[in-house]
Amino acid sequence: MTFDEWREQLMTVEATATYRRAPRQHHKPLPEPFTPVHRLAARERTSLVHLFVLLEQARHALCAHRTACTGCRGGGRCATGRDLEISFRETQATCTIAREQQMRSDRLNAQRARAVRTGQERTRAYVLDKAHQIDQLRRAVPQGALPTEGPEVPLIHLAPRQAAAQPEEGQIKCEHCGATESGLADAVAAGWHRVTRRPHCGRCAQRFPAWTRTSF
């Protein structure tokens, strides 16, 4: 095999290997995540504070130049002083516009929050009114709907304070164990219940199913 034949075979093999080699992969950079909603207001406040810092820096630079420059100190204005004053005025105008925009944004946010609270209060009042109407309709007993047999359904649940306002019926005695209470208010406060229209103390009433127990 001659040198030319060997070189030709080598070039053929190298071209084949290059063709079989996987191309270089170019990874797409990941996009930057969006700023969370709870940090948007903080970012706006930070930018406004940064503007005021720049304004103070421009003010100090202008004052320092006027103090050191003989031309500006004598009532004139040099090129450097003119550039510093222009930069200071532009920064001051930018701060004024940013402050007005921030005040307007705060005012709009306050109006939106006030409108939301008003809507919630109206919805709450509407729901409470409907619930009150439903309670009134539920407590009303239609004619002919009262069962002829069985215990009476209590329409009003008497709390101890309400029971105190009711007329006293004398001493109340438990039908099971014989325990007594001096009045209706004391019985209600002690957790007494009626079982088949008969008074039972709290301990004895627990012996019966819950659906058979009714409050005074």
N, C-alpha and C. Protein backbone atom coordinates (compact mmCIF):
# COMPACT_ATOMS: atom_id res chain seq x y z
N MET A 1 0.87 -1.20 0.00
CA MET A 1 0.00 0.00 0.00
C MET A 1 0.90 1.24 0.00
N THR A 2 0.62 2.09 -0.88
CA THR A 2 1.40 3.31 -0.99
C THR A 2 0.89 4.34 0.02
N PHE A 3 1.66 5.41 0.12
CA PHE A 3 1.30 6.48 1.04
C PHE A 3 0.02 7.18 0.61
N ASP A 4 -0.16 7.37 -0.69
CA ASP A 4 -1.37 8.05 -1.18
C ASP A 4 -2.62 7.21 -0.90
N GLU A 5 -2.50 5.89 -1.11
CA GLU A 5 -3.65 5.04 -0.83
C GLU A 5 -3.98 5.04 0.66
N TRP A 6 -2.93 4.99 1.49
CA TRP A 6 -3.17 5.02 2.94
C TRP A 6 -3.82 6.32 3.39
N ARG A 7 -3.38 7.46 2.83
CA ARG A 7 -3.96 8.76 3.18
C ARG A 7 -5.40 8.85 2.71
N GLU A 8 -5.72 8.31 1.56
CA GLU A 8 -7.09 8.35 1.04
C GLU A 8 -8.02 7.53 1.93
N GLN A 9 -7.56 6.33 2.37
CA GLN A 9 -8.39 5.52 3.27
C GLN A 9 -8.57 6.22 4.62
N LEU A 10 -7.51 6.86 5.11
CA LEU A 10 -7.62 7.57 6.38
C LEU A 10 -8.60 8.72 6.32
N MET A 11 -8.59 9.45 5.23
CA MET A 11 -9.55 10.56 5.07
C MET A 11 -10.98 10.04 4.98
N THR A 12 -11.15 8.89 4.32
CA THR A 12 -12.50 8.31 4.21
C THR A 12 -13.02 7.88 5.58
N VAL A 13 -12.14 7.21 6.35
CA VAL A 13 -12.55 6.77 7.69
C VAL A 13 -12.84 7.97 8.58
N GLU A 14 -12.03 9.02 8.52
CA GLU A 14 -12.23 10.20 9.35
C GLU A 14 -13.52 10.91 8.99
N ALA A 15 -13.85 11.01 7.70
CA ALA A 15 -15.11 11.63 7.29
C ALA A 15 -16.31 10.84 7.80
N THR A 16 -16.20 9.51 7.76
CA THR A 16 -17.30 8.67 8.26
C THR A 16 -17.48 8.84 9.77
N ALA A 17 -16.35 8.88 10.49
CA ALA A 17 -16.43 9.06 11.95
C ALA A 17 -17.00 10.43 12.31
N THR A 18 -16.63 11.45 11.56
CA THR A 18 -17.17 12.79 11.81
C THR A 18 -18.67 12.83 11.55
N TYR A 19 -19.09 12.11 10.54
CA TYR A 19 -20.52 12.09 10.22
C TYR A 19 -21.31 11.37 11.31
N ARG A 20 -20.72 10.31 11.87
CA ARG A 20 -21.40 9.55 12.92
C ARG A 20 -21.37 10.26 14.27
N ARG A 21 -20.48 11.21 14.48
CA ARG A 21 -20.36 11.90 15.77
C ARG A 21 -21.59 12.78 16.01
N ALA A 22 -22.12 12.74 17.22
CA ALA A 22 -23.31 13.52 17.56
C ALA A 22 -23.00 15.00 17.50
N PRO A 23 -23.90 15.79 16.95
CA PRO A 23 -23.64 17.23 16.90
C PRO A 23 -23.63 17.84 18.30
N ARG A 24 -23.02 18.98 18.41
CA ARG A 24 -22.93 19.66 19.70
C ARG A 24 -24.29 20.22 20.08
N GLN A 25 -24.69 20.00 21.32
CA GLN A 25 -25.98 20.45 21.80
C GLN A 25 -25.86 21.84 22.39
N HIS A 26 -26.82 22.67 22.03
CA HIS A 26 -26.89 24.04 22.55
C HIS A 26 -28.12 24.13 23.45
N HIS A 27 -27.89 24.20 24.73
CA HIS A 27 -29.00 24.25 25.68
C HIS A 27 -29.60 25.65 25.71
N LYS A 28 -30.92 25.69 25.65
CA LYS A 28 -31.63 26.97 25.70
C LYS A 28 -31.65 27.47 27.15
N PRO A 29 -31.25 28.70 27.37
CA PRO A 29 -31.26 29.21 28.75
C PRO A 29 -32.67 29.28 29.31
N LEU A 30 -32.80 28.98 30.58
CA LEU A 30 -34.10 29.01 31.24
C LEU A 30 -34.57 30.46 31.41
N PRO A 31 -35.86 30.71 31.18
CA PRO A 31 -36.35 32.09 31.34
C PRO A 31 -36.33 32.49 32.81
N GLU A 32 -36.17 33.77 33.05
CA GLU A 32 -36.16 34.30 34.42
C GLU A 32 -37.56 34.25 34.99
N PRO A 33 -37.73 33.74 36.20
CA PRO A 33 -39.08 33.66 36.77
C PRO A 33 -39.67 35.05 36.99
N PHE A 34 -40.99 35.12 36.91
CA PHE A 34 -41.68 36.38 37.10
C PHE A 34 -41.65 36.79 38.57
N THR A 35 -41.76 38.08 38.78
CA THR A 35 -41.78 38.61 40.14
C THR A 35 -43.10 38.25 40.81
N PRO A 36 -43.07 37.67 42.02
CA PRO A 36 -44.34 37.34 42.70
C PRO A 36 -45.17 38.60 42.95
N VAL A 37 -46.48 38.37 43.06
CA VAL A 37 -47.40 39.49 43.24
C VAL A 37 -47.13 40.23 44.54
N HIS A 38 -46.80 39.47 45.62
CA HIS A 38 -46.59 40.12 46.91
C HIS A 38 -45.31 40.94 46.97
N ARG A 39 -44.47 40.88 45.91
CA ARG A 39 -43.23 41.65 45.89
C ARG A 39 -43.27 42.80 44.91
N LEU A 40 -44.39 42.95 44.16
CA LEU A 40 -44.46 44.04 43.19
C LEU A 40 -44.46 45.40 43.88
N ALA A 41 -45.29 45.52 44.93
CA ALA A 41 -45.35 46.80 45.65
C ALA A 41 -44.01 47.13 46.28
N ALA A 42 -43.33 46.12 46.84
CA ALA A 42 -42.03 46.36 47.45
C ALA A 42 -41.00 46.80 46.41
N ARG A 43 -41.11 46.25 45.19
CA ARG A 43 -40.17 46.66 44.15
C ARG A 43 -40.40 48.10 43.74
N GLU A 44 -41.68 48.52 43.64
CA GLU A 44 -41.97 49.91 43.31
C GLU A 44 -41.46 50.86 44.39
N ARG A 45 -41.64 50.48 45.65
CA ARG A 45 -41.14 51.31 46.74
C ARG A 45 -39.62 51.40 46.70
N THR A 46 -38.96 50.30 46.37
CA THR A 46 -37.49 50.30 46.31
C THR A 46 -36.99 51.21 45.21
N SER A 47 -37.65 51.18 44.04
CA SER A 47 -37.24 52.05 42.94
C SER A 47 -37.42 53.51 43.31
N LEU A 48 -38.50 53.84 44.03
CA LEU A 48 -38.73 55.22 44.45
C LEU A 48 -37.66 55.67 45.45
N VAL A 49 -37.32 54.80 46.38
CA VAL A 49 -36.26 55.13 47.34
C VAL A 49 -34.92 55.31 46.62
N HIS A 50 -34.67 54.48 45.62
CA HIS A 50 -33.42 54.61 44.85
C HIS A 50 -33.36 55.95 44.13
N LEU A 51 -34.50 56.42 43.62
CA LEU A 51 -34.52 57.73 42.96
C LEU A 51 -34.18 58.85 43.94
N PHE A 52 -34.70 58.77 45.15
CA PHE A 52 -34.40 59.80 46.14
C PHE A 52 -32.92 59.76 46.54
N VAL A 53 -32.35 58.56 46.57
CA VAL A 53 -30.91 58.46 46.86
C VAL A 53 -30.11 59.13 45.76
N LEU A 54 -30.49 58.90 44.51
CA LEU A 54 -29.80 59.55 43.39
C LEU A 54 -29.97 61.06 43.44
N LEU A 55 -31.15 61.53 43.86
CA LEU A 55 -31.39 62.97 43.96
C LEU A 55 -30.47 63.59 45.01
N GLU A 56 -30.31 62.92 46.16
CA GLU A 56 -29.42 63.44 47.19
C GLU A 56 -27.97 63.44 46.72
N GLN A 57 -27.57 62.41 45.98
CA GLN A 57 -26.21 62.38 45.45
C GLN A 57 -25.97 63.52 44.46
N ALA A 58 -26.95 63.78 43.59
CA ALA A 58 -26.81 64.87 42.64
C ALA A 58 -26.77 66.23 43.36
N ARG A 59 -27.55 66.37 44.42
CA ARG A 59 -27.56 67.61 45.18
C ARG A 59 -26.20 67.86 45.85
N HIS A 60 -25.65 66.81 46.47
CA HIS A 60 -24.35 66.96 47.14
C HIS A 60 -23.25 67.25 46.12
N ALA A 61 -23.31 66.60 44.96
CA ALA A 61 -22.29 66.84 43.93
C ALA A 61 -22.35 68.29 43.44
N LEU A 62 -23.56 68.83 43.24
CA LEU A 62 -23.71 70.20 42.77
C LEU A 62 -23.23 71.20 43.83
N CYS A 63 -23.61 70.95 45.10
CA CYS A 63 -23.17 71.86 46.16
C CYS A 63 -21.65 71.82 46.35
N ALA A 64 -21.06 70.63 46.25
CA ALA A 64 -19.61 70.52 46.40
C ALA A 64 -18.88 71.22 45.25
N HIS A 65 -19.42 71.13 44.03
CA HIS A 65 -18.79 71.80 42.90
C HIS A 65 -18.90 73.32 43.03
N ARG A 66 -20.07 73.82 43.47
CA ARG A 66 -20.23 75.27 43.61
C ARG A 66 -19.32 75.81 44.71
N THR A 67 -19.05 74.99 45.72
CA THR A 67 -18.16 75.44 46.79
C THR A 67 -16.70 75.48 46.33
N ALA A 68 -16.31 74.51 45.51
CA ALA A 68 -14.91 74.42 45.09
C ALA A 68 -14.60 75.23 43.83
N CYS A 69 -15.58 75.43 42.96
CA CYS A 69 -15.32 76.11 41.68
C CYS A 69 -15.37 77.64 41.89
N THR A 70 -14.33 78.34 41.46
CA THR A 70 -14.30 79.80 41.61
C THR A 70 -15.29 80.48 40.68
N GLY A 71 -15.49 79.92 39.47
CA GLY A 71 -16.42 80.53 38.53
C GLY A 71 -17.86 80.44 39.01
N CYS A 72 -18.26 79.29 39.49
CA CYS A 72 -19.63 79.12 39.99
C CYS A 72 -19.83 79.83 41.32
N ARG A 73 -18.76 79.96 42.12
CA ARG A 73 -18.90 80.63 43.41
C ARG A 73 -19.06 82.13 43.24
N GLY A 74 -18.55 82.70 42.16
CA GLY A 74 -18.68 84.13 41.94
C GLY A 74 -19.96 84.54 41.25
N GLY A 75 -20.89 83.62 41.03
CA GLY A 75 -22.16 83.95 40.40
C GLY A 75 -22.25 83.48 38.97
N GLY A 76 -21.18 82.96 38.40
CA GLY A 76 -21.22 82.46 37.04
C GLY A 76 -21.58 80.98 37.00
N ARG A 77 -21.30 80.39 35.85
CA ARG A 77 -21.61 78.98 35.70
C ARG A 77 -20.65 78.40 34.68
N CYS A 78 -19.88 77.40 35.09
CA CYS A 78 -18.95 76.73 34.18
C CYS A 78 -19.67 75.57 33.50
N ALA A 79 -18.97 74.91 32.59
CA ALA A 79 -19.57 73.80 31.85
C ALA A 79 -19.90 72.63 32.78
N THR A 80 -18.98 72.33 33.70
CA THR A 80 -19.22 71.24 34.63
C THR A 80 -20.39 71.56 35.57
N GLY A 81 -20.44 72.78 36.07
CA GLY A 81 -21.54 73.17 36.94
C GLY A 81 -22.87 73.13 36.21
N ARG A 82 -22.84 73.53 34.91
CA ARG A 82 -24.08 73.48 34.13
C ARG A 82 -24.55 72.04 33.96
N ASP A 83 -23.64 71.12 33.67
CA ASP A 83 -24.04 69.70 33.52
C ASP A 83 -24.56 69.13 34.83
N LEU A 84 -23.89 69.49 35.95
CA LEU A 84 -24.35 68.99 37.24
C LEU A 84 -25.74 69.54 37.60
N GLU A 85 -25.98 70.80 37.27
CA GLU A 85 -27.30 71.38 37.56
C GLU A 85 -28.38 70.76 36.69
N ILE A 86 -28.06 70.51 35.42
CA ILE A 86 -29.04 69.85 34.55
C ILE A 86 -29.36 68.45 35.06
N SER A 87 -28.33 67.71 35.47
CA SER A 87 -28.55 66.36 36.01
C SER A 87 -29.39 66.40 37.28
N PHE A 88 -29.12 67.41 38.14
CA PHE A 88 -29.90 67.54 39.37
C PHE A 88 -31.35 67.86 39.08
N ARG A 89 -31.61 68.78 38.14
CA ARG A 89 -32.99 69.15 37.81
C ARG A 89 -33.73 67.98 37.17
N GLU A 90 -33.07 67.23 36.31
CA GLU A 90 -33.72 66.08 35.68
C GLU A 90 -34.08 65.01 36.73
N THR A 91 -33.15 64.76 37.64
CA THR A 91 -33.43 63.78 38.70
C THR A 91 -34.55 64.26 39.60
N GLN A 92 -34.58 65.56 39.89
CA GLN A 92 -35.64 66.11 40.73
C GLN A 92 -37.01 65.97 40.05
N ALA A 93 -37.06 66.25 38.75
CA ALA A 93 -38.32 66.09 38.02
C ALA A 93 -38.76 64.63 37.98
N THR A 94 -37.80 63.73 37.80
CA THR A 94 -38.14 62.30 37.79
C THR A 94 -38.69 61.85 39.13
N CYS A 95 -38.11 62.32 40.23
CA CYS A 95 -38.61 61.98 41.56
C CYS A 95 -40.02 62.53 41.78
N THR A 96 -40.26 63.75 41.30
CA THR A 96 -41.60 64.34 41.45
C THR A 96 -42.64 63.52 40.71
N ILE A 97 -42.33 63.13 39.47
CA ILE A 97 -43.28 62.33 38.68
C ILE A 97 -43.50 60.97 39.33
N ALA A 98 -42.42 60.33 39.81
CA ALA A 98 -42.55 59.02 40.45
C ALA A 98 -43.38 59.11 41.72
N ARG A 99 -43.19 60.21 42.50
CA ARG A 99 -43.98 60.38 43.72
C ARG A 99 -45.46 60.56 43.40
N GLU A 100 -45.76 61.36 42.38
CA GLU A 100 -47.16 61.56 42.00
C GLU A 100 -47.79 60.25 41.50
N GLN A 101 -47.04 59.49 40.72
CA GLN A 101 -47.57 58.21 40.26
C GLN A 101 -47.80 57.24 41.42
N GLN A 102 -46.89 57.24 42.39
CA GLN A 102 -47.07 56.36 43.54
C GLN A 102 -48.28 56.78 44.38
N MET A 103 -48.48 58.08 44.56
CA MET A 103 -49.65 58.56 45.30
C MET A 103 -50.93 58.20 44.57
N ARG A 104 -50.92 58.35 43.25
CA ARG A 104 -52.11 57.99 42.47
C ARG A 104 -52.38 56.48 42.56
N SER A 105 -51.32 55.67 42.50
CA SER A 105 -51.50 54.23 42.61
C SER A 105 -52.03 53.85 43.99
N ASP A 106 -51.52 54.48 45.04
CA ASP A 106 -52.02 54.20 46.39
C ASP A 106 -53.48 54.61 46.54
N ARG A 107 -53.83 55.75 45.93
CA ARG A 107 -55.23 56.19 46.02
C ARG A 107 -56.17 55.23 45.29
N LEU A 108 -55.75 54.75 44.12
CA LEU A 108 -56.58 53.80 43.38
C LEU A 108 -56.71 52.47 44.13
N ASN A 109 -55.61 52.02 44.73
CA ASN A 109 -55.67 50.78 45.49
C ASN A 109 -56.58 50.92 46.70
N ALA A 110 -56.54 52.09 47.35
CA ALA A 110 -57.42 52.31 48.50
C ALA A 110 -58.89 52.33 48.07
N GLN A 111 -59.18 52.95 46.92
CA GLN A 111 -60.55 52.97 46.41
C GLN A 111 -61.03 51.56 46.06
N ARG A 112 -60.15 50.76 45.44
CA ARG A 112 -60.55 49.39 45.11
C ARG A 112 -60.81 48.59 46.38
N ALA A 113 -59.93 48.74 47.38
CA ALA A 113 -60.14 48.00 48.64
C ALA A 113 -61.42 48.44 49.33
N ARG A 114 -61.71 49.76 49.28
CA ARG A 114 -62.95 50.25 49.88
C ARG A 114 -64.18 49.70 49.15
N ALA A 115 -64.09 49.62 47.82
CA ALA A 115 -65.21 49.07 47.05
C ALA A 115 -65.41 47.59 47.36
N VAL A 116 -64.31 46.86 47.52
CA VAL A 116 -64.42 45.45 47.86
C VAL A 116 -65.05 45.26 49.23
N ARG A 117 -64.63 46.08 50.21
CA ARG A 117 -65.21 45.97 51.55
C ARG A 117 -66.69 46.32 51.53
N THR A 118 -67.07 47.34 50.75
CA THR A 118 -68.48 47.71 50.66
C THR A 118 -69.30 46.58 50.06
N GLY A 119 -68.77 45.96 49.00
CA GLY A 119 -69.48 44.83 48.40
C GLY A 119 -69.62 43.66 49.35
N GLN A 120 -68.56 43.40 50.12
CA GLN A 120 -68.64 42.31 51.09
C GLN A 120 -69.66 42.62 52.18
N GLU A 121 -69.70 43.87 52.64
CA GLU A 121 -70.68 44.24 53.67
C GLU A 121 -72.10 44.13 53.14
N ARG A 122 -72.32 44.55 51.89
CA ARG A 122 -73.66 44.40 51.30
C ARG A 122 -74.05 42.94 51.18
N THR A 123 -73.12 42.12 50.73
CA THR A 123 -73.41 40.68 50.60
C THR A 123 -73.70 40.06 51.96
N ARG A 124 -72.92 40.46 52.98
CA ARG A 124 -73.15 39.92 54.32
C ARG A 124 -74.51 40.35 54.86
N ALA A 125 -74.86 41.62 54.64
CA ALA A 125 -76.16 42.09 55.12
C ALA A 125 -77.31 41.36 54.39
N TYR A 126 -77.14 41.14 53.09
CA TYR A 126 -78.17 40.43 52.33
C TYR A 126 -78.33 39.00 52.83
N VAL A 127 -77.20 38.32 53.08
CA VAL A 127 -77.27 36.94 53.55
C VAL A 127 -77.89 36.86 54.94
N LEU A 128 -77.51 37.80 55.82
CA LEU A 128 -78.08 37.80 57.17
C LEU A 128 -79.59 38.06 57.13
N ASP A 129 -80.02 38.96 56.25
CA ASP A 129 -81.45 39.23 56.13
C ASP A 129 -82.21 38.00 55.63
N LYS A 130 -81.64 37.32 54.62
CA LYS A 130 -82.29 36.11 54.11
C LYS A 130 -82.32 35.02 55.18
N ALA A 131 -81.24 34.89 55.95
CA ALA A 131 -81.21 33.89 57.01
C ALA A 131 -82.25 34.21 58.09
N HIS A 132 -82.41 35.51 58.40
CA HIS A 132 -83.43 35.89 59.38
C HIS A 132 -84.83 35.57 58.87
N GLN A 133 -85.08 35.83 57.61
CA GLN A 133 -86.39 35.51 57.04
C GLN A 133 -86.65 34.01 57.07
N ILE A 134 -85.62 33.22 56.74
CA ILE A 134 -85.79 31.77 56.76
C ILE A 134 -86.05 31.27 58.17
N ASP A 135 -85.37 31.86 59.16
CA ASP A 135 -85.61 31.47 60.55
C ASP A 135 -87.04 31.79 60.97
N GLN A 136 -87.53 32.95 60.55
CA GLN A 136 -88.91 33.29 60.87
C GLN A 136 -89.90 32.32 60.25
N LEU A 137 -89.65 31.94 58.99
CA LEU A 137 -90.53 30.97 58.34
C LEU A 137 -90.42 29.59 58.96
N ARG A 138 -89.21 29.23 59.41
CA ARG A 138 -89.03 27.91 60.00
C ARG A 138 -89.72 27.80 61.36
N ARG A 139 -89.73 28.92 62.10
CA ARG A 139 -90.35 28.88 63.42
C ARG A 139 -91.87 28.93 63.36
N ALA A 140 -92.41 29.42 62.27
CA ALA A 140 -93.87 29.50 62.15
C ALA A 140 -94.43 28.10 61.93
N VAL A 141 -95.43 27.71 62.72
CA VAL A 141 -96.07 26.39 62.62
C VAL A 141 -97.38 26.56 61.87
N PRO A 142 -97.53 25.95 60.68
CA PRO A 142 -98.78 26.10 59.93
C PRO A 142 -99.93 25.38 60.63
N GLN A 143 -101.16 25.80 60.30
CA GLN A 143 -102.35 25.19 60.89
C GLN A 143 -102.49 23.75 60.41
N GLY A 144 -102.78 22.85 61.34
CA GLY A 144 -102.99 21.46 60.97
C GLY A 144 -101.72 20.66 60.82
N ALA A 145 -100.54 21.27 61.04
CA ALA A 145 -99.29 20.54 60.90
C ALA A 145 -98.77 20.01 62.21
N LEU A 146 -99.44 20.28 63.33
CA LEU A 146 -98.98 19.84 64.63
C LEU A 146 -99.29 18.36 64.81
N PRO A 147 -98.31 17.50 65.13
CA PRO A 147 -98.59 16.07 65.30
C PRO A 147 -99.50 15.82 66.50
N THR A 148 -100.34 14.85 66.37
CA THR A 148 -101.30 14.52 67.44
C THR A 148 -100.67 13.67 68.52
N GLU A 149 -99.62 12.92 68.18
CA GLU A 149 -98.96 12.07 69.15
C GLU A 149 -97.47 12.37 69.17
N GLY A 150 -96.82 12.00 70.24
CA GLY A 150 -95.39 12.21 70.34
C GLY A 150 -95.07 13.47 71.14
N PRO A 151 -93.80 13.65 71.49
CA PRO A 151 -93.41 14.82 72.29
C PRO A 151 -93.51 16.10 71.49
N GLU A 152 -93.71 17.20 72.20
CA GLU A 152 -93.78 18.50 71.55
C GLU A 152 -92.38 18.92 71.07
N VAL A 153 -92.36 19.56 69.94
CA VAL A 153 -91.09 20.05 69.38
C VAL A 153 -90.81 21.42 69.97
N PRO A 154 -89.68 21.62 70.65
CA PRO A 154 -89.39 22.95 71.21
C PRO A 154 -89.07 23.94 70.10
N LEU A 155 -89.78 25.04 70.06
CA LEU A 155 -89.55 26.07 69.05
C LEU A 155 -88.52 27.09 69.49
N ILE A 156 -88.29 27.21 70.77
CA ILE A 156 -87.35 28.20 71.29
C ILE A 156 -86.41 27.47 72.25
N HIS A 157 -85.13 27.62 72.03
CA HIS A 157 -84.13 27.03 72.93
C HIS A 157 -83.81 28.06 74.02
N LEU A 158 -84.10 27.70 75.25
CA LEU A 158 -83.94 28.62 76.37
C LEU A 158 -82.53 28.50 76.92
N ALA A 159 -81.77 29.58 76.86
CA ALA A 159 -80.48 29.65 77.52
C ALA A 159 -80.70 29.95 79.00
N PRO A 160 -79.70 29.78 79.83
CA PRO A 160 -79.92 30.08 81.27
C PRO A 160 -80.41 31.50 81.51
N ARG A 161 -79.91 32.49 80.75
CA ARG A 161 -80.36 33.86 80.95
C ARG A 161 -81.82 34.02 80.56
N GLN A 162 -82.22 33.34 79.45
CA GLN A 162 -83.61 33.42 79.02
C GLN A 162 -84.52 32.65 79.99
N ALA A 163 -84.00 31.54 80.50
CA ALA A 163 -84.82 30.76 81.43
C ALA A 163 -85.06 31.52 82.72
N ALA A 164 -84.13 32.37 83.10
CA ALA A 164 -84.31 33.15 84.32
C ALA A 164 -85.46 34.13 84.20
N ALA A 165 -85.73 34.56 82.95
CA ALA A 165 -86.83 35.50 82.75
C ALA A 165 -88.19 34.82 82.71
N GLN A 166 -88.22 33.47 82.60
CA GLN A 166 -89.47 32.75 82.57
C GLN A 166 -90.02 32.60 83.99
N PRO A 167 -91.33 32.47 84.14
CA PRO A 167 -91.91 32.31 85.48
C PRO A 167 -91.46 30.98 86.10
N GLU A 168 -91.20 31.00 87.38
CA GLU A 168 -90.78 29.81 88.09
C GLU A 168 -91.95 28.83 88.22
N GLU A 169 -91.65 27.54 88.06
CA GLU A 169 -92.66 26.51 88.18
C GLU A 169 -92.50 25.71 89.46
N GLY A 170 -91.68 26.15 90.35
CA GLY A 170 -91.45 25.43 91.59
C GLY A 170 -90.33 24.44 91.45
N GLN A 171 -90.24 23.51 92.35
CA GLN A 171 -89.17 22.54 92.38
C GLN A 171 -89.35 21.52 91.26
N ILE A 172 -88.20 21.18 90.59
CA ILE A 172 -88.22 20.22 89.50
C ILE A 172 -87.52 18.97 89.97
N LYS A 173 -88.11 17.79 89.70
CA LYS A 173 -87.60 16.53 90.18
C LYS A 173 -87.28 15.63 89.00
N CYS A 174 -86.13 14.95 89.07
CA CYS A 174 -85.75 14.01 88.01
C CYS A 174 -86.60 12.76 88.11
N GLU A 175 -87.14 12.31 86.99
CA GLU A 175 -88.01 11.15 86.98
C GLU A 175 -87.26 9.84 87.14
N HIS A 176 -85.95 9.87 87.01
CA HIS A 176 -85.18 8.62 87.07
C HIS A 176 -84.49 8.41 88.42
N CYS A 177 -83.73 9.42 88.85
CA CYS A 177 -82.97 9.25 90.10
C CYS A 177 -83.56 10.03 91.26
N GLY A 178 -84.52 10.91 91.00
CA GLY A 178 -85.16 11.65 92.08
C GLY A 178 -84.44 12.92 92.49
N ALA A 179 -83.37 13.31 91.74
CA ALA A 179 -82.67 14.55 92.07
C ALA A 179 -83.59 15.74 91.81
N THR A 180 -83.40 16.82 92.56
CA THR A 180 -84.27 17.98 92.46
C THR A 180 -83.45 19.24 92.19
N GLU A 181 -84.11 20.18 91.57
CA GLU A 181 -83.58 21.53 91.36
C GLU A 181 -84.62 22.51 91.81
N SER A 182 -84.15 23.68 92.29
CA SER A 182 -85.07 24.64 92.88
C SER A 182 -85.94 25.33 91.85
N GLY A 183 -85.50 25.42 90.59
CA GLY A 183 -86.28 26.12 89.59
C GLY A 183 -85.82 25.78 88.18
N LEU A 184 -86.52 26.39 87.22
CA LEU A 184 -86.23 26.11 85.82
C LEU A 184 -84.86 26.64 85.43
N ALA A 185 -84.49 27.82 85.91
CA ALA A 185 -83.19 28.40 85.55
C ALA A 185 -82.04 27.52 86.04
N ASP A 186 -82.16 26.99 87.29
CA ASP A 186 -81.11 26.12 87.81
C ASP A 186 -81.05 24.82 87.05
N ALA A 187 -82.19 24.31 86.61
CA ALA A 187 -82.20 23.06 85.86
C ALA A 187 -81.55 23.23 84.50
N VAL A 188 -81.85 24.34 83.84
CA VAL A 188 -81.23 24.59 82.54
C VAL A 188 -79.73 24.77 82.69
N ALA A 189 -79.30 25.49 83.71
CA ALA A 189 -77.88 25.71 83.94
C ALA A 189 -77.16 24.40 84.27
N ALA A 190 -77.85 23.45 84.92
CA ALA A 190 -77.24 22.18 85.28
C ALA A 190 -77.28 21.16 84.15
N GLY A 191 -77.85 21.52 83.00
CA GLY A 191 -77.87 20.61 81.86
C GLY A 191 -79.02 19.62 81.87
N TRP A 192 -80.11 19.97 82.52
CA TRP A 192 -81.26 19.07 82.53
C TRP A 192 -81.91 19.06 81.14
N HIS A 193 -82.63 17.96 80.82
CA HIS A 193 -83.35 17.81 79.57
C HIS A 193 -84.70 17.16 79.84
N ARG A 194 -85.57 17.27 78.85
CA ARG A 194 -86.84 16.57 78.88
C ARG A 194 -86.73 15.32 78.01
N VAL A 195 -87.16 14.21 78.55
CA VAL A 195 -87.23 12.95 77.81
C VAL A 195 -88.66 12.46 77.88
N THR A 196 -89.32 12.42 76.73
CA THR A 196 -90.77 12.10 76.64
C THR A 196 -91.56 13.01 77.58
N ARG A 197 -91.25 14.31 77.50
CA ARG A 197 -91.94 15.36 78.26
C ARG A 197 -91.69 15.29 79.77
N ARG A 198 -90.77 14.49 80.20
CA ARG A 198 -90.50 14.36 81.62
C ARG A 198 -89.09 14.86 81.91
N PRO A 199 -88.90 15.63 82.98
CA PRO A 199 -87.57 16.18 83.30
C PRO A 199 -86.61 15.11 83.78
N HIS A 200 -85.37 15.21 83.30
CA HIS A 200 -84.30 14.32 83.72
C HIS A 200 -83.04 15.16 83.94
N CYS A 201 -82.28 14.79 84.96
CA CYS A 201 -81.03 15.51 85.20
C CYS A 201 -80.03 15.18 84.08
N GLY A 202 -78.92 15.93 84.07
CA GLY A 202 -77.96 15.74 83.00
C GLY A 202 -77.38 14.36 82.94
N ARG A 203 -77.11 13.73 84.11
CA ARG A 203 -76.52 12.40 84.13
C ARG A 203 -77.52 11.36 83.67
N CYS A 204 -78.75 11.48 84.07
CA CYS A 204 -79.75 10.50 83.65
C CYS A 204 -80.16 10.69 82.20
N ALA A 205 -80.16 11.94 81.74
CA ALA A 205 -80.57 12.18 80.35
C ALA A 205 -79.58 11.58 79.37
N GLN A 206 -78.30 11.43 79.78
CA GLN A 206 -77.30 10.84 78.89
C GLN A 206 -77.57 9.36 78.63
N ARG A 207 -78.41 8.72 79.43
CA ARG A 207 -78.73 7.31 79.22
C ARG A 207 -79.65 7.10 78.02
N PHE A 208 -80.32 8.16 77.58
CA PHE A 208 -81.30 8.05 76.50
C PHE A 208 -80.65 8.53 75.18
N PRO A 209 -81.15 8.09 74.04
CA PRO A 209 -80.60 8.57 72.75
C PRO A 209 -80.76 10.07 72.62
N ALA A 210 -79.90 10.65 71.79
CA ALA A 210 -79.89 12.10 71.65
C ALA A 210 -81.17 12.62 71.04
N TRP A 211 -81.78 11.84 70.15
CA TRP A 211 -82.97 12.35 69.48
C TRP A 211 -84.18 12.39 70.40
N THR A 212 -84.10 11.71 71.56
CA THR A 212 -85.21 11.73 72.50
C THR A 212 -85.09 12.85 73.51
N ARG A 213 -83.94 13.50 73.61
CA ARG A 213 -83.71 14.55 74.60
C ARG A 213 -84.04 15.92 74.00
N THR A 214 -84.78 16.72 74.72
CA THR A 214 -85.11 18.08 74.31
C THR A 214 -84.79 19.02 75.44
N SER A 215 -84.38 20.23 75.09
CA SER A 215 -84.06 21.23 76.11
C SER A 215 -85.33 21.86 76.66
N PHE A 216 -85.18 22.45 77.82
CA PHE A 216 -86.32 23.13 78.44
C PHE A 216 -86.69 24.36 77.63
